[in-house]
C-alpha atoms as a PDB file:
ATOM      1  CA  UNK A   1      21.843  60.753 115.785  1.00  0.00           C
ATOM      2  CA  UNK A   2      23.163  61.675 119.055  1.00  0.00           C
ATOM      3  CA  UNK A   3      26.422  59.654 118.047  1.00  0.00           C
ATOM      4  CA  UNK A   4      26.714  61.466 114.721  1.00  0.00           C
ATOM      5  CA  UNK A   5      26.510  64.804 116.432  1.00  0.00           C
ATOM      6  CA  UNK A   6      29.414  63.824 118.900  1.00  0.00           C
ATOM      7  CA  UNK A   7      31.478  62.688 116.171  1.00  0.00           C
ATOM      8  CA  UNK A   8      31.055  65.707 114.404  1.00  0.00           C
ATOM      9  CA  UNK A   9      31.747  67.960 117.363  1.00  0.00           C
ATOM     10  CA  UNK A  10      34.504  66.086 118.176  1.00  0.00           C
ATOM     11  CA  UNK A  11      35.965  66.677 114.382  1.00  0.00           C
ATOM     12  CA  UNK A  12      35.438  70.273 114.503  1.00  0.00           C
ATOM     13  CA  UNK A  13      37.126  70.655 117.987  1.00  0.00           C
ATOM     14  CA  UNK A  14      40.273  68.509 116.792  1.00  0.00           C
ATOM     15  CA  UNK A  15      40.476  70.836 113.719  1.00  0.00           C
ATOM     16  CA  UNK A  16      40.585  73.626 116.116  1.00  0.00           C
ATOM     17  CA  UNK A  17      43.050  72.399 117.898  1.00  0.00           C
ATOM     18  CA  UNK A  18      45.294  72.158 115.069  1.00  0.00           C
ATOM     19  CA  UNK A  19      44.537  75.398 113.715  1.00  0.00           C
ATOM     20  CA  UNK A  20      45.720  76.899 117.197  1.00  0.00           C
ATOM     21  CA  UNK A  21      48.889  75.115 116.629  1.00  0.00           C
ATOM     22  CA  UNK A  22      48.416  73.115 119.836  1.00  0.00           C
ATOM     23  CA  UNK A  23      50.390  70.025 120.404  1.00  0.00           C
ATOM     24  CA  UNK A  24      48.554  66.627 121.175  1.00  0.00           C
ATOM     25  CA  UNK A  25      49.795  66.590 124.680  1.00  0.00           C
ATOM     26  CA  UNK A  26      48.611  70.155 125.453  1.00  0.00           C
ATOM     27  CA  UNK A  27      46.011  70.175 128.066  1.00  0.00           C
ATOM     28  CA  UNK A  28      42.882  72.340 127.069  1.00  0.00           C
ATOM     29  CA  UNK A  29      39.566  73.939 128.288  1.00  0.00           C
ATOM     30  CA  UNK A  30      36.850  73.573 125.915  1.00  0.00           C
ATOM     31  CA  UNK A  31      33.688  75.857 126.103  1.00  0.00           C
ATOM     32  CA  UNK A  32      30.576  74.856 123.807  1.00  0.00           C
ATOM     33  CA  UNK A  33      27.530  76.519 123.265  1.00  0.00           C
ATOM     34  CA  UNK A  34      24.632  74.664 121.499  1.00  0.00           C
ATOM     35  CA  UNK A  35      20.684  74.084 121.900  1.00  0.00           C
ATOM     36  CA  UNK A  36      18.295  71.311 121.173  1.00  0.00           C
ATOM     37  CA  UNK A  37      19.415  67.916 120.269  1.00  0.00           C
ATOM     38  CA  UNK A  38      23.096  68.869 119.692  1.00  0.00           C
ATOM     39  CA  UNK A  39      23.269  70.251 123.257  1.00  0.00           C
ATOM     40  CA  UNK A  40      21.636  66.854 124.788  1.00  0.00           C
ATOM     41  CA  UNK A  41      24.206  64.953 122.975  1.00  0.00           C
ATOM     42  CA  UNK A  42      27.214  67.113 124.032  1.00  0.00           C
ATOM     43  CA  UNK A  43      25.956  66.872 127.700  1.00  0.00           C
ATOM     44  CA  UNK A  44      25.715  63.003 127.508  1.00  0.00           C
ATOM     45  CA  UNK A  45      29.455  62.714 126.088  1.00  0.00           C
ATOM     46  CA  UNK A  46      31.200  65.358 127.986  1.00  0.00           C
ATOM     47  CA  UNK A  47      33.742  62.654 129.433  1.00  0.00           C
ATOM     48  CA  UNK A  48      34.103  61.265 126.221  1.00  0.00           C
ATOM     49  CA  UNK A  49      35.106  65.019 124.631  1.00  0.00           C
ATOM     50  CA  UNK A  50      37.304  65.372 127.683  1.00  0.00           C
ATOM     51  CA  UNK A  51      39.039  61.987 127.090  1.00  0.00           C
ATOM     52  CA  UNK A  52      39.467  62.392 123.347  1.00  0.00           C
ATOM     53  CA  UNK A  53      40.759  66.115 123.334  1.00  0.00           C
ATOM     54  CA  UNK A  54      42.974  65.951 126.599  1.00  0.00           C
ATOM     55  CA  UNK A  55      40.464  68.660 128.005  1.00  0.00           C
ATOM     56  CA  UNK A  56      40.597  69.231 131.747  1.00  0.00           C
ATOM     57  CA  UNK A  57      37.086  71.097 131.615  1.00  0.00           C
ATOM     58  CA  UNK A  58      34.259  71.084 129.045  1.00  0.00           C
ATOM     59  CA  UNK A  59      31.997  73.919 129.806  1.00  0.00           C
ATOM     60  CA  UNK A  60      28.670  74.043 128.307  1.00  0.00           C
ATOM     61  CA  UNK A  61      27.350  77.595 128.060  1.00  0.00           C
ATOM     62  CA  UNK A  62      24.053  78.935 126.870  1.00  0.00           C
ATOM     63  CA  UNK A  63      23.925  79.453 123.125  1.00  0.00           C
ATOM     64  CA  UNK A  64      23.565  83.154 123.376  1.00  0.00           C
ATOM     65  CA  UNK A  65      26.683  83.305 125.866  1.00  0.00           C
ATOM     66  CA  UNK A  66      29.192  82.447 122.981  1.00  0.00           C
ATOM     67  CA  UNK A  67      31.449  85.404 122.037  1.00  0.00           C
ATOM     68  CA  UNK A  68      32.773  86.838 118.844  1.00  0.00           C
ATOM     69  CA  UNK A  69      35.614  85.354 116.678  1.00  0.00           C
ATOM     70  CA  UNK A  70      38.126  87.706 118.364  1.00  0.00           C
ATOM     71  CA  UNK A  71      37.565  86.119 121.497  1.00  0.00           C
ATOM     72  CA  UNK A  72      38.603  82.741 120.192  1.00  0.00           C
ATOM     73  CA  UNK A  73      34.832  81.519 119.352  1.00  0.00           C
ATOM     74  CA  UNK A  74      34.021  79.494 116.137  1.00  0.00           C
ATOM     75  CA  UNK A  75      30.766  78.656 114.847  1.00  0.00           C
ATOM     76  CA  UNK A  76      29.885  75.640 112.876  1.00  0.00           C
ATOM     77  CA  UNK A  77      26.753  74.220 111.273  1.00  0.00           C
ATOM     78  CA  UNK A  78      26.296  70.301 112.576  1.00  0.00           C
ATOM     79  CA  UNK A  79      23.453  68.693 110.759  1.00  0.00           C
ATOM     80  CA  UNK A  80      21.401  71.825 110.594  1.00  0.00           C
ATOM     81  CA  UNK A  81      22.230  72.983 114.338  1.00  0.00           C
ATOM     82  CA  UNK A  82      24.704  75.649 115.654  1.00  0.00           C
ATOM     83  CA  UNK A  83      27.522  74.512 117.356  1.00  0.00           C
ATOM     84  CA  UNK A  84      29.666  77.341 118.792  1.00  0.00           C
ATOM     85  CA  UNK A  85      33.060  76.490 120.480  1.00  0.00           C
ATOM     86  CA  UNK A  86      36.422  77.721 122.161  1.00  0.00           C
ATOM     87  CA  UNK A  87      39.382  76.104 122.814  1.00  0.00           C
ATOM     88  CA  UNK A  88      42.206  77.209 125.190  1.00  0.00           C
ATOM     89  CA  UNK A  89      45.171  75.883 126.046  1.00  0.00           C
ATOM     90  CA  UNK A  90      45.539  75.415 130.024  1.00  0.00           C
ATOM     91  CA  UNK A  91      48.653  76.800 131.788  1.00  0.00           C
ATOM     92  CA  UNK A  92      50.925  73.929 133.078  1.00  0.00           C
END
């Protein structure tokens, strides 16, 4: 189950990169908010997430700390669990 949660998280974040018009080579910072099994899966896969997304940082924040869409946050349902995420391009 955790592998599936991580794959789905990666898929959502890759789509977000594309929506933001980021190039594959752009370095990013990822902020994620999740709870329960989803949070556990993400915590165990931060190195993988960083590697696959070219992220310099992956910050896991409390679920209630996720901001509004106006602040760049998106929310998804992942296997019945709520995932919130924000991707920001890093300065070079």
